[in-house]
Amino acid sequence: MTKVILPELGEGIDKAIVSYWYHKEGDKVKEKEDLVELTTDKATFNLPSPCNGVLVNILCPEGQTVHIGEALAEIDENG
């Protein structure tokens, strides 16, 4: 199981808001494909999938604030 983690975003930015999930739980995803849209005070950006697999668990729903290092979702690489 691979966790999708919110990476370092830049100096002074320690959190982001989940704007939109491009996939729902149970969907197959491909590595580097847009997975989720996030918004900070300074920008809106897409976080790509770190691997191929099935999105099995969305841990942070749309509208939720997530901090650097927190898991956003889990992907089953064997799915």
N, C-alpha and C. Protein backbone atom coordinates (compact mmCIF):
# COMPACT_ATOMS: atom_id res chain seq x y z
N MET A 1 0.86 -1.18 0.00
CA MET A 1 0.00 0.00 0.00
C MET A 1 0.90 1.24 0.00
N THR A 2 0.63 2.16 -0.89
CA THR A 2 1.39 3.40 -0.98
C THR A 2 0.54 4.55 -0.48
N LYS A 3 1.09 5.34 0.42
CA LYS A 3 0.38 6.52 0.91
C LYS A 3 0.73 7.72 0.03
N VAL A 4 -0.28 8.51 -0.28
CA VAL A 4 -0.09 9.76 -1.02
C VAL A 4 0.10 10.84 0.05
N ILE A 5 1.30 11.41 0.10
CA ILE A 5 1.68 12.35 1.15
C ILE A 5 1.77 13.77 0.58
N LEU A 6 1.29 14.75 1.35
CA LEU A 6 1.45 16.15 0.94
C LEU A 6 2.92 16.52 1.09
N PRO A 7 3.59 16.85 -0.02
CA PRO A 7 5.02 17.16 0.05
C PRO A 7 5.28 18.59 0.52
N GLU A 8 6.55 18.89 0.74
CA GLU A 8 6.96 20.28 1.02
C GLU A 8 6.49 21.15 -0.14
N LEU A 9 5.94 22.31 0.18
CA LEU A 9 5.36 23.16 -0.86
C LEU A 9 6.13 24.46 -1.09
N GLY A 10 7.04 24.77 -0.21
CA GLY A 10 7.79 26.02 -0.35
C GLY A 10 7.88 26.72 0.98
N GLU A 11 8.74 27.70 1.02
CA GLU A 11 9.01 28.41 2.26
C GLU A 11 7.75 29.10 2.79
N GLY A 12 7.45 28.87 4.03
CA GLY A 12 6.31 29.53 4.67
C GLY A 12 4.97 28.89 4.41
N ILE A 13 4.93 27.83 3.61
CA ILE A 13 3.66 27.14 3.33
C ILE A 13 3.67 25.81 4.07
N ASP A 14 2.71 25.65 4.99
CA ASP A 14 2.70 24.42 5.79
C ASP A 14 1.41 23.62 5.67
N LYS A 15 0.46 24.11 4.84
CA LYS A 15 -0.80 23.38 4.68
C LYS A 15 -1.44 23.74 3.34
N ALA A 16 -2.40 22.91 2.96
CA ALA A 16 -3.16 23.14 1.74
C ALA A 16 -4.58 22.65 1.96
N ILE A 17 -5.49 23.08 1.11
CA ILE A 17 -6.88 22.63 1.17
C ILE A 17 -7.14 21.73 -0.03
N VAL A 18 -7.76 20.58 0.22
CA VAL A 18 -8.13 19.67 -0.86
C VAL A 18 -9.29 20.31 -1.63
N SER A 19 -9.04 20.64 -2.90
CA SER A 19 -10.05 21.30 -3.72
C SER A 19 -10.92 20.30 -4.48
N TYR A 20 -10.25 19.29 -5.08
CA TYR A 20 -10.99 18.40 -5.97
C TYR A 20 -10.23 17.09 -6.17
N TRP A 21 -10.91 15.98 -6.03
CA TRP A 21 -10.33 14.66 -6.35
C TRP A 21 -10.70 14.32 -7.78
N TYR A 22 -9.72 13.98 -8.60
CA TYR A 22 -9.95 13.62 -10.00
C TYR A 22 -10.45 12.18 -10.13
N HIS A 23 -10.29 11.39 -9.06
CA HIS A 23 -10.72 9.99 -9.06
C HIS A 23 -11.49 9.71 -7.78
N LYS A 24 -12.28 8.65 -7.80
CA LYS A 24 -12.98 8.23 -6.60
C LYS A 24 -12.39 6.91 -6.12
N GLU A 25 -12.72 6.51 -4.90
CA GLU A 25 -12.22 5.25 -4.37
C GLU A 25 -12.64 4.11 -5.29
N GLY A 26 -11.70 3.22 -5.56
CA GLY A 26 -11.96 2.08 -6.45
C GLY A 26 -11.47 2.31 -7.87
N ASP A 27 -11.13 3.55 -8.21
CA ASP A 27 -10.63 3.87 -9.56
C ASP A 27 -9.19 3.43 -9.72
N LYS A 28 -8.86 2.96 -10.92
CA LYS A 28 -7.46 2.69 -11.26
C LYS A 28 -6.79 4.03 -11.58
N VAL A 29 -5.56 4.19 -11.11
CA VAL A 29 -4.80 5.41 -11.37
C VAL A 29 -3.45 5.02 -11.96
N LYS A 30 -2.89 5.95 -12.72
CA LYS A 30 -1.58 5.74 -13.32
C LYS A 30 -0.57 6.68 -12.69
N GLU A 31 0.68 6.22 -12.60
CA GLU A 31 1.75 7.05 -12.06
C GLU A 31 1.85 8.36 -12.84
N LYS A 32 2.01 9.46 -12.12
CA LYS A 32 2.16 10.82 -12.66
C LYS A 32 0.87 11.41 -13.22
N GLU A 33 -0.23 10.68 -13.15
CA GLU A 33 -1.54 11.20 -13.56
C GLU A 33 -2.08 12.09 -12.44
N ASP A 34 -2.74 13.21 -12.79
CA ASP A 34 -3.30 14.09 -11.76
C ASP A 34 -4.25 13.31 -10.86
N LEU A 35 -4.03 13.44 -9.56
CA LEU A 35 -4.83 12.70 -8.59
C LEU A 35 -5.75 13.63 -7.81
N VAL A 36 -5.19 14.75 -7.36
CA VAL A 36 -5.96 15.67 -6.51
C VAL A 36 -5.49 17.10 -6.75
N GLU A 37 -6.44 18.04 -6.69
CA GLU A 37 -6.13 19.46 -6.80
C GLU A 37 -6.10 20.04 -5.39
N LEU A 38 -5.06 20.81 -5.11
CA LEU A 38 -4.86 21.43 -3.80
C LEU A 38 -4.70 22.93 -3.95
N THR A 39 -5.11 23.67 -2.91
CA THR A 39 -5.00 25.12 -2.92
C THR A 39 -4.27 25.58 -1.66
N THR A 40 -3.33 26.51 -1.85
CA THR A 40 -2.66 27.16 -0.72
C THR A 40 -3.00 28.64 -0.77
N ASP A 41 -2.43 29.41 0.14
CA ASP A 41 -2.64 30.86 0.12
C ASP A 41 -2.10 31.49 -1.16
N LYS A 42 -1.12 30.82 -1.78
CA LYS A 42 -0.43 31.42 -2.91
C LYS A 42 -0.75 30.80 -4.27
N ALA A 43 -1.23 29.55 -4.29
CA ALA A 43 -1.40 28.89 -5.59
C ALA A 43 -2.36 27.72 -5.50
N THR A 44 -2.81 27.29 -6.69
CA THR A 44 -3.58 26.06 -6.84
C THR A 44 -2.73 25.14 -7.70
N PHE A 45 -2.61 23.88 -7.30
CA PHE A 45 -1.77 22.95 -8.05
C PHE A 45 -2.34 21.54 -7.96
N ASN A 46 -1.88 20.69 -8.88
CA ASN A 46 -2.29 19.29 -8.90
C ASN A 46 -1.17 18.43 -8.35
N LEU A 47 -1.55 17.43 -7.56
CA LEU A 47 -0.60 16.46 -7.04
C LEU A 47 -0.80 15.17 -7.83
N PRO A 48 0.26 14.66 -8.47
CA PRO A 48 0.12 13.45 -9.28
C PRO A 48 0.17 12.19 -8.42
N SER A 49 -0.31 11.10 -8.99
CA SER A 49 -0.23 9.81 -8.33
C SER A 49 1.22 9.36 -8.28
N PRO A 50 1.68 8.85 -7.13
CA PRO A 50 3.07 8.41 -7.01
C PRO A 50 3.33 7.03 -7.64
N CYS A 51 2.25 6.33 -8.04
CA CYS A 51 2.41 4.98 -8.58
C CYS A 51 1.17 4.54 -9.34
N ASN A 52 1.28 3.43 -10.05
CA ASN A 52 0.12 2.79 -10.68
C ASN A 52 -0.60 1.98 -9.61
N GLY A 53 -1.92 1.87 -9.72
CA GLY A 53 -2.66 1.04 -8.78
C GLY A 53 -4.11 1.44 -8.69
N VAL A 54 -4.74 1.07 -7.58
CA VAL A 54 -6.15 1.39 -7.34
C VAL A 54 -6.23 2.31 -6.12
N LEU A 55 -6.95 3.41 -6.29
CA LEU A 55 -7.17 4.35 -5.19
C LEU A 55 -8.16 3.69 -4.22
N VAL A 56 -7.65 3.21 -3.09
CA VAL A 56 -8.49 2.43 -2.19
C VAL A 56 -9.06 3.24 -1.03
N ASN A 57 -8.42 4.35 -0.67
CA ASN A 57 -8.88 5.08 0.49
C ASN A 57 -8.53 6.56 0.36
N ILE A 58 -9.55 7.41 0.29
CA ILE A 58 -9.34 8.87 0.32
C ILE A 58 -9.44 9.28 1.79
N LEU A 59 -8.32 9.74 2.34
CA LEU A 59 -8.26 10.08 3.76
C LEU A 59 -8.66 11.52 4.05
N CYS A 60 -8.55 12.40 3.04
CA CYS A 60 -8.88 13.82 3.21
C CYS A 60 -9.90 14.21 2.15
N PRO A 61 -11.15 14.37 2.52
CA PRO A 61 -12.16 14.75 1.54
C PRO A 61 -12.01 16.18 1.05
N GLU A 62 -12.72 16.51 -0.01
CA GLU A 62 -12.69 17.87 -0.55
C GLU A 62 -13.12 18.86 0.52
N GLY A 63 -12.38 19.98 0.59
CA GLY A 63 -12.67 21.01 1.57
C GLY A 63 -11.85 20.89 2.85
N GLN A 64 -11.19 19.76 3.06
CA GLN A 64 -10.41 19.55 4.28
C GLN A 64 -9.01 20.15 4.14
N THR A 65 -8.50 20.70 5.23
CA THR A 65 -7.14 21.20 5.28
C THR A 65 -6.21 20.07 5.65
N VAL A 66 -5.08 19.99 4.95
CA VAL A 66 -4.07 18.96 5.20
C VAL A 66 -2.72 19.65 5.38
N HIS A 67 -1.91 19.12 6.30
CA HIS A 67 -0.61 19.70 6.58
C HIS A 67 0.50 18.90 5.91
N ILE A 68 1.64 19.55 5.70
CA ILE A 68 2.81 18.91 5.09
C ILE A 68 3.11 17.60 5.81
N GLY A 69 3.33 16.54 5.05
CA GLY A 69 3.67 15.25 5.62
C GLY A 69 2.48 14.37 5.94
N GLU A 70 1.27 14.92 5.88
CA GLU A 70 0.07 14.11 6.14
C GLU A 70 -0.32 13.30 4.92
N ALA A 71 -0.94 12.16 5.16
CA ALA A 71 -1.41 11.30 4.07
C ALA A 71 -2.77 11.79 3.56
N LEU A 72 -2.87 11.89 2.24
CA LEU A 72 -4.12 12.29 1.60
C LEU A 72 -4.95 11.08 1.18
N ALA A 73 -4.27 10.01 0.79
CA ALA A 73 -4.95 8.82 0.27
C ALA A 73 -4.01 7.62 0.30
N GLU A 74 -4.58 6.45 -0.01
CA GLU A 74 -3.79 5.23 -0.10
C GLU A 74 -4.08 4.57 -1.47
N ILE A 75 -3.00 4.08 -2.08
CA ILE A 75 -3.12 3.41 -3.38
C ILE A 75 -2.58 2.00 -3.23
N ASP A 76 -3.38 1.02 -3.69
CA ASP A 76 -2.96 -0.38 -3.68
C ASP A 76 -2.27 -0.67 -5.01
N GLU A 77 -0.96 -0.87 -4.96
CA GLU A 77 -0.20 -1.13 -6.19
C GLU A 77 -0.49 -2.49 -6.79
N ASN A 78 -1.09 -3.38 -6.03
CA ASN A 78 -1.39 -4.72 -6.53
C ASN A 78 -2.81 -4.83 -7.08
N GLY A 79 -3.56 -3.72 -6.99
CA GLY A 79 -4.96 -3.73 -7.39
C GLY A 79 -5.18 -3.67 -8.87
